[in-house]
Structures are given as C-alpha cells and as structure tokens.
Protein backbone atom coordinates (compact mmCIF):
# COMPACT_ATOMS: atom_id res chain seq x y z
CA MET A 1 180.34 361.00 94.09
CA GLN A 2 182.71 358.51 95.19
CA TYR A 3 182.69 355.39 96.96
CA GLU A 4 184.95 353.10 98.60
CA ALA A 5 186.41 350.19 97.62
CA LEU A 6 185.48 347.05 98.30
CA PRO A 7 187.83 345.18 100.66
CA ASN A 8 189.25 341.81 99.34
CA PHE A 9 188.97 338.52 101.13
CA SER A 10 190.28 336.37 98.77
CA ASN A 11 193.79 335.52 100.44
CA LEU A 12 191.74 334.32 103.50
CA GLY A 13 190.50 330.95 101.35
CA PRO A 14 186.19 329.92 101.25
CA TYR A 15 186.16 329.74 105.06
CA GLY A 16 187.76 332.09 105.83
CA GLY A 17 184.97 334.49 107.53
CA GLN A 18 183.24 331.73 107.98
CA SER A 19 181.75 331.79 111.83
CA GLY A 20 183.36 328.48 113.65
CA ALA A 21 185.84 327.65 110.56
CA SER A 22 188.68 329.30 112.36
CA PRO A 23 189.72 329.61 115.90
CA ALA A 24 189.87 333.53 115.55
CA ARG A 25 185.66 333.54 114.41
CA SER A 26 184.81 330.42 117.30
CA ILE A 27 180.57 331.16 118.07
CA THR A 28 179.93 331.02 121.93
CA ILE A 29 177.18 328.71 122.40
CA PHE A 30 174.64 329.38 125.32
CA ALA A 31 172.22 326.52 126.82
CA HIS A 32 169.95 326.45 129.02
CA LEU A 33 169.19 323.07 130.57
CA LEU A 34 166.08 324.01 132.45
CA ALA A 35 164.87 320.49 132.52
CA ASP A 36 164.21 318.82 136.28
CA ARG A 37 163.12 314.89 135.11
CA TRP A 38 166.28 313.13 134.04
CA ASP A 39 165.16 311.86 130.08
CA ASP A 40 164.77 315.94 129.92
CA PHE A 41 167.64 316.45 131.31
CA LEU A 42 169.63 314.14 129.04
CA ILE A 43 167.92 315.32 125.91
CA GLN A 44 169.42 319.22 126.49
CA ASN A 45 172.62 317.67 127.15
CA LEU A 46 172.62 316.24 123.61
CA TYR A 47 171.07 318.24 121.47
CA ALA A 48 173.71 321.13 123.00
CA ALA A 49 176.30 318.83 122.51
CA ALA A 50 175.21 318.23 118.81
CA VAL A 51 175.13 322.07 118.40
CA ARG A 52 178.78 322.09 118.84
CA ARG A 53 179.82 319.92 117.16
CA SER A 54 178.20 321.43 113.94
CA PHE A 55 181.01 323.38 114.49
CA ASP A 56 185.29 322.92 113.68
CA HIS A 57 185.52 326.13 116.36
CA ALA A 58 182.89 326.37 119.80
CA ARG A 59 182.41 327.18 122.91
CA LEU A 60 179.33 325.92 124.87
CA PHE A 61 178.88 327.08 127.52
CA VAL A 62 175.29 324.96 130.13
CA PHE A 63 173.58 327.05 132.24
CA TYR A 64 171.03 324.60 134.88
CA HIS A 65 169.52 323.77 138.31
CA ASN A 66 171.77 322.32 140.79
CA GLY A 67 169.10 319.85 141.89
CA PRO A 68 169.04 316.13 141.52
CA PRO A 69 173.04 314.53 141.93
CA PHE A 70 171.99 313.19 137.98
CA HIS A 71 172.70 316.56 137.00
CA ARG A 72 176.22 316.78 138.09
CA ASP A 73 176.55 313.13 135.99
CA ILE A 74 175.47 313.68 133.29
CA ALA A 75 177.10 317.24 132.22
CA LYS A 76 180.47 315.30 133.39
CA MET A 77 179.66 312.93 130.83
CA ASN A 78 179.51 315.66 127.99
CA ALA A 79 183.29 316.61 127.09
CA ASP A 80 181.65 319.54 124.76
CA ILE A 81 180.95 321.55 127.93
CA THR A 82 183.41 324.76 127.89
CA TYR A 83 181.97 325.63 131.67
CA ALA A 84 178.99 325.45 133.02
CA TRP A 85 177.13 327.62 135.49
CA ARG A 86 174.34 326.62 137.85
CA ALA A 87 171.96 327.83 140.10
CA ASP A 88 170.47 326.41 143.62
CA GLY A 89 166.76 325.80 143.17
CA THR A 90 164.99 327.09 140.11
CA ALA A 91 166.45 329.94 139.70
CA SER A 92 166.97 331.73 136.17
CA ILE A 93 169.33 334.08 134.86
CA PRO A 94 168.27 337.50 134.01
CA LEU A 95 167.74 338.96 130.54
CA ASP A 96 170.07 341.69 131.30
CA TYR A 97 173.21 339.19 131.68
CA PHE A 98 172.73 338.55 128.25
CA ASP A 99 172.97 343.04 127.65
CA SER A 100 176.99 342.99 126.56
CA SER A 101 176.12 347.51 127.97
CA HIS A 102 177.88 348.46 130.74
CA ASP A 103 174.54 349.91 131.52
CA ALA A 104 172.33 347.15 131.51
CA ALA A 105 170.09 347.36 134.69
CA LEU A 106 171.92 344.44 136.42
CA ARG A 107 175.04 342.80 135.54
CA SER A 108 176.41 339.47 136.82
CA GLY A 109 178.63 339.48 139.59
CA SER A 110 181.20 336.67 138.25
CA PRO A 111 183.92 338.47 136.44
CA VAL A 112 183.85 334.88 134.85
CA TRP A 113 180.16 335.96 132.92
CA TYR A 114 182.07 338.66 131.13
CA GLU A 115 185.72 337.45 130.84
CA GLN A 116 184.21 334.31 128.95
CA GLY A 117 181.35 336.11 126.88
CA CYS A 118 178.63 334.91 128.09
CA ASP A 119 176.58 337.97 128.23
CA LYS A 120 177.04 338.19 124.44
CA PRO A 121 176.76 334.11 122.41
CA ASP A 122 176.04 334.19 119.10
CA LEU A 123 173.15 331.18 119.32
CA MET A 124 171.71 330.56 122.05
CA LEU A 125 169.89 327.12 122.79
CA LEU A 126 166.46 327.55 125.16
CA PRO A 127 164.27 323.82 126.20
CA SER A 128 161.13 324.22 123.92
CA ILE A 129 164.33 324.97 121.24
CA MET A 130 165.90 321.87 122.39
CA ASP A 131 163.78 319.32 120.65
CA TRP A 132 164.17 315.59 120.60
CA ARG A 133 162.83 315.17 117.54
CA HIS A 134 166.03 316.48 115.76
CA LEU A 135 168.40 314.42 117.47
CA GLY A 136 168.58 312.03 114.34
CA ALA A 137 169.13 315.17 111.71
CA PHE A 138 172.40 316.30 113.49
CA GLU A 139 175.05 315.09 110.89
CA ARG A 140 178.05 314.94 114.10
CA PRO A 141 175.88 313.15 116.47
CA PRO A 142 176.63 313.78 120.31
CA ARG A 143 179.67 312.30 121.91
CA PHE A 144 179.20 311.30 126.02
CA VAL A 145 182.45 310.29 127.44
CA LEU A 146 182.67 308.51 130.74
CA PRO A 147 185.34 310.02 133.04
CA ARG A 148 188.55 308.30 133.25
CA ASP A 149 189.51 308.30 136.65
CA GLN A 150 186.12 306.12 137.30
CA VAL A 151 186.81 303.74 134.08
CA PRO A 152 189.09 301.48 135.64
CA THR A 153 187.01 300.78 139.31
CA ILE A 154 184.41 300.06 136.96
CA ASN A 155 185.67 297.99 134.21
CA ARG A 156 187.12 295.36 137.61
CA ALA A 157 183.85 295.41 138.99
CA PHE A 158 181.82 294.16 135.84
CA ARG A 159 184.14 292.20 134.66
CA GLY A 160 184.28 290.55 138.25
CA LEU A 161 179.93 289.70 137.39
CA GLY A 162 181.48 286.78 135.32
CA VAL A 163 180.84 288.90 131.44
CA ASP A 164 183.33 287.35 129.33
CA ALA A 165 185.98 289.93 128.03
CA ASN A 166 186.79 288.26 124.77
CA TRP A 167 183.68 287.50 123.63
CA TRP A 168 179.83 289.96 123.20
CA TYR A 169 177.10 290.22 125.80
CA CYS A 170 173.56 291.65 124.81
CA ALA A 171 172.35 294.82 126.95
CA ALA A 172 168.86 294.31 128.50
CA THR A 173 166.85 297.26 130.56
CA VAL A 174 165.41 296.71 133.29
CA PRO A 175 161.79 299.10 133.39
CA ASP A 176 161.29 301.49 136.20
CA HIS A 177 160.20 300.07 139.78
CA ASP A 178 157.05 302.37 139.54
CA ALA A 179 156.45 301.58 135.95
CA LEU A 180 152.98 300.05 134.60
CA VAL A 181 154.16 296.79 133.18
CA HIS A 182 153.76 293.38 134.07
CA ARG A 183 156.74 291.23 135.92
CA ASP A 184 155.33 287.93 134.55
CA GLU A 185 155.43 290.37 131.07
CA PHE A 186 158.94 291.32 131.11
CA SER A 187 160.28 288.08 132.48
CA ALA A 188 159.00 286.02 129.44
CA ALA A 189 160.80 288.47 127.17
CA LEU A 190 163.83 288.25 129.22
CA ARG A 191 163.26 284.12 128.77
CA VAL A 192 163.14 284.59 125.42
CA ALA A 193 165.38 286.13 124.32
CA ALA A 194 168.13 284.99 126.88
CA ASP A 195 167.16 281.02 124.63
CA VAL A 196 168.65 282.85 121.96
CA ILE A 197 171.46 285.05 122.94
CA VAL A 198 172.68 282.43 125.83
CA LYS A 199 171.74 278.41 124.28
CA GLU A 200 172.58 279.73 120.52
CA HIS A 201 175.20 282.06 120.37
CA GLY A 202 177.11 281.36 124.68
CA ALA A 203 176.97 285.38 125.36
CA CYS A 204 175.42 286.62 128.36
CA VAL A 205 172.87 289.31 128.57
CA VAL A 206 173.55 291.61 131.45
CA LEU A 207 170.82 293.76 132.78
CA VAL A 208 170.56 297.86 133.83
CA GLY A 209 168.50 300.10 135.18
CA ASP A 210 166.35 300.87 137.81
CA PRO A 211 167.64 298.48 140.62
CA ALA A 212 165.03 299.24 142.70
CA THR A 213 163.26 296.94 139.78
CA LYS A 214 162.26 293.59 142.00
CA LEU A 215 162.98 290.20 139.89
CA GLY A 216 162.32 286.92 139.98
CA PRO A 217 164.90 284.15 139.55
CA LEU A 218 167.25 285.13 136.24
CA PRO A 219 168.01 282.51 133.69
CA ASP A 220 171.27 280.80 132.87
CA GLY A 221 173.54 284.33 131.20
CA VAL A 222 171.48 286.41 132.41
CA ILE A 223 173.76 288.57 134.74
CA ASP A 224 172.59 291.85 137.11
CA ALA A 225 174.48 294.56 136.53
CA ARG A 226 171.80 297.54 137.48
CA SER A 227 174.36 297.94 141.12
CA LEU A 228 177.55 298.50 139.48
CA PRO A 229 179.92 300.97 141.40
CA GLU A 230 180.19 305.08 140.05
CA GLY A 231 175.93 305.14 139.64
CA ILE A 232 174.96 306.22 136.55
CA PHE A 233 178.33 305.89 135.34
CA GLY A 234 178.95 302.24 135.70
CA GLN A 235 175.66 301.41 133.60
CA ALA A 236 176.62 303.96 131.29
CA TYR A 237 179.77 301.94 130.57
CA ALA A 238 177.64 298.39 130.75
CA ILE A 239 175.87 300.08 128.00
CA ALA A 240 178.34 301.77 126.16
CA LYS A 241 180.65 297.83 125.37
CA ALA A 242 176.73 296.24 124.36
CA ARG A 243 176.72 294.53 121.22
CA PHE A 244 173.44 296.21 121.12
CA LEU A 245 170.82 297.17 123.68
CA PHE A 246 167.59 295.13 124.20
CA ASP A 247 165.43 297.62 125.46
CA PHE A 248 162.03 295.37 126.76
CA PHE A 249 159.60 298.66 127.97
CA PRO A 250 160.39 302.27 127.13
CA SER A 251 163.61 303.03 129.42
CA PRO A 252 163.90 306.56 128.76
CA TRP A 253 166.68 307.69 127.07
CA LEU A 254 169.17 304.72 128.06
CA TRP A 255 169.83 303.94 124.58
CA LEU A 256 170.61 307.28 122.94
CA ALA A 257 172.01 308.74 126.06
CA PHE A 258 174.80 306.51 127.24
CA GLY A 259 174.61 303.90 123.84
CA LEU A 260 176.72 305.86 121.74
CA ASP A 261 177.04 304.08 118.58
CA THR A 262 175.57 300.82 120.83
CA PRO A 263 172.23 299.91 118.19
CA TRP A 264 169.06 299.39 119.89
CA LEU A 265 166.09 296.93 119.48
CA ARG A 266 162.50 298.07 121.13
CA ARG A 267 159.36 296.32 121.28
CA THR A 268 156.43 298.65 119.81
CA ASP A 269 152.76 297.58 118.76
CA THR A 270 151.95 299.38 116.06
CA ARG A 271 153.80 298.59 112.64
CA ALA A 272 153.62 303.08 112.47
CA ALA A 273 156.75 305.17 111.87
CA VAL A 274 157.99 305.87 115.44
CA PRO A 275 160.12 308.71 115.08
CA LEU A 276 162.94 308.14 117.37
CA PRO A 277 166.06 309.12 116.79
CA GLY A 278 169.43 307.17 116.31
CA ARG A 279 170.66 303.72 115.53
CA GLY A 280 167.68 301.75 116.03
CA PHE A 281 164.86 299.12 115.24
CA ILE A 282 162.33 299.10 116.24
CA PHE A 283 159.75 295.34 115.98
CA ALA A 284 155.99 294.44 116.43
CA ALA A 285 155.47 291.79 119.67
CA PRO A 286 151.73 292.54 120.37
CA SER A 287 150.54 290.99 123.47
CA THR A 288 149.49 287.92 121.66
CA ARG A 289 150.60 283.86 121.28
CA ASP A 290 153.23 284.54 118.71
CA ALA A 291 154.94 287.34 120.98
CA GLY A 292 157.13 285.04 121.53
CA SER A 293 158.39 283.82 118.48
CA ARG A 294 158.40 287.53 117.30
CA THR A 295 160.71 288.25 120.43
CA ALA A 296 163.28 285.61 119.44
CA ASN A 297 163.00 286.24 115.80
CA ALA A 298 164.23 289.53 116.51
CA VAL A 299 166.61 289.24 118.85
CA THR A 300 167.97 286.84 115.64
CA ALA A 301 167.38 289.48 112.92
CA MET A 302 169.54 292.12 115.83
CA ILE A 303 172.17 289.99 115.84
CA ARG A 304 172.02 289.02 112.14
CA GLU A 305 172.39 293.23 111.96
CA THR A 306 175.45 293.72 114.09
CA GLU A 307 177.76 291.32 113.12
CA ASP A 308 180.84 294.22 112.81
CA CYS A 309 180.83 293.95 116.93
CA PRO A 310 181.97 290.37 117.49
CA MET A 311 182.81 291.08 121.05
CA TRP A 312 182.59 294.16 123.51
CA ARG A 313 181.96 297.58 121.38
CA SER A 314 185.34 299.75 121.42
CA ASP A 315 184.71 302.81 122.08
CA PRO A 316 183.58 305.19 118.81
CA HIS A 317 185.85 306.69 116.24
CA ASP A 318 184.41 310.58 114.79
CA ASN A 319 184.81 309.53 110.66
CA PHE A 320 182.48 312.09 109.90
CA GLY A 321 183.16 314.23 107.12
CA PRO A 322 183.80 317.82 107.88
CA ALA A 323 181.23 320.11 109.99
CA LYS A 324 179.27 322.45 107.93
CA ASN A 325 180.16 325.36 110.59
CA ARG A 326 176.65 326.27 110.47
CA MET A 327 172.61 325.11 111.91
CA ASP A 328 170.03 325.11 108.59
CA LEU A 329 167.00 326.04 110.57
CA PRO A 330 163.79 325.24 110.55
CA MET A 331 165.85 321.97 111.14
CA PRO A 332 164.25 319.15 109.82
CA TRP A 333 163.06 316.00 112.15
CA GLY A 334 166.12 312.92 112.35
CA PRO A 335 165.52 309.60 110.63
CA ASN A 336 163.24 307.45 112.14
CA ALA A 337 163.58 304.17 113.48
CA ARG A 338 163.86 301.08 111.12
CA MET A 339 161.19 298.26 111.72
CA ILE A 340 162.88 295.28 111.02
CA ASN A 341 160.48 292.78 109.28
CA ILE A 342 161.06 289.47 111.68
CA ASP A 343 157.90 287.59 109.15
C-alpha cells in the first residue's frame, strides 16, 4: 500500500498556519450583544472587544437591538467592531443564517451578510459566555475610543468648567437617582475626599454619573461635570483623563468601560476578596464612627499608588506582548481587585 507524502509547511514559519496570525488566516468572530441593561451591554461590548484583541488578525461582527440610545453610543466607542447589525424590538437572528449552505431553510436578505462571511464565523459569542469575571484574564484588555469629531467640543466644555489642565484631578461617581443610598452619606464621603484632594494637594474632584441625582451645595474644589456635552461621551472623557476614579457607591461599570487605564477606588463593607476585574482597589469603610478617617486614608493611599500621573491622564498606549492568537477555554476568572491597606 502506498501513502501520499505529508505536505511540508516549514517555509511558513512557526505561526504560518495558526489562525489569526496572518491576514490570510484572519479569524471571524460573531458576538450577540443582546443585553438591554446599561451595565450588561457594556460588559458584552468589553468582552467581545477583548476576544478580538486576542488575535493579530480578526474581524468582529456584532448584533444588538436598536433600543435605547446608549446601545448605539457604546457601540460607537468600541473601535474593535468591524460591522454592526441592529434589529428593532427583541428580534433575534435565526440559526439558519449561520448555515453557509445554499439550501438553508432561511436566508439572510442582505448580501453583505454573505460577502463578509457572517454565515460561517470561526467563533461565536453568546451572552452567557461573556462573563464579566473573565475580563481581567485577557492579556490584552479592551479599549474604548471616543469619537474624534466630538472630542474638541467636550474638551472645550470641560476646561470651561474650571478644571486645571496643568494639574491632576480625581473623578467621583454620583449614585443613580433611584439608588438606595442616603444622599447625606454620599455628601459626607465627598467632603472627606475633597479635604484630602483639594486642601492638601490643590487638585479638584470632578463629579460624573447620573445628572438626575439631586445634590446639595458642593464643597470648594468639587466640579459637577455630569452635564457635559455629547452625553456619555463627555463623561467618558472626564473619567479617561482622571488620575483615578473614586467610586463612592456602585455605579455600574463606568470605571472599567470608560476609564480604560484609569485606576479606580471603591468602598466595601467587607475584607473578603471582591471579584471585580481591572486596575482597581478596594478599601473597607463600614458605616461606623471611623468611616471618615478610613475614607481619608484610602484616598491618600490611592494618590500614592498613582504617582505616575501628575497631570491629566494621557491616552493609553498598547505596550502588551504579542497576541496568543488563540483562546484557552474554559477561561479563568481575572485577578480580583486589590485591597488597599489603610490601617
């Protein structure tokens, strides 16, 4: 019996035949971003972007519902998307659309669907796959990019609020207007942070978050930037340029989605490990008599942790190693946020 000789791929190099390593072997990724809630939709966008960045050459196609305005706004900041498909209401894509055979029971009415190879993706991401606890495990974290044509308007308005362009500032999240957080508690924490940031360091605190939340008189050096032009793009700009983000009370995913490389500080009532990915820090500040002093100590520790940012934070640059050009499944959960020692 005779056998055919095995083909010789040695001239292609160690990555010549590896999917995603060359334009000829580009990976096609299709992500179903079906979440309707703000934070869930952010997470799905971040996860899909991180998967695309795991390969040197990959195309990311996404499908999402043409619902609230933030759907389109968030997708605009996801520069890793190759093409987006939108559907009204709660429509979904029939499974037959992913059948590349011409005798599929249902065919997409768009020739672009087939021209781009959406009917035969190499990898398909479903909502249950895109778990936020995995985000910290990606070696190349996702990056959001602000629309370039809107940045000059935001920048002028931001400087017009009185934020010093030659010094740093801390961004702080205002709780949502319907959050179960007592406004007096938030105001007390804000005063403590302002005492450290404004009085001791001459910087300022910039408020971001829900503009519908009613606040009382603000301490000196606290600037309300919740109504910057361009909607969420304005708040994204304020967070991305901050030395760090103080998340007084849970404000879903602003820090991770818009902060890019901006470190964040969050309060908690426990010293247990908190599975929040990203360049984050947790400090324990229960509602006791020493909550104020612990908050002040945490802010001081955060300033010390971010000494590499003496002015506005610059745009992040990718200084990561080469892409693996593969996904290892099951994915591990990312490293937990670090507990700051403030005792």
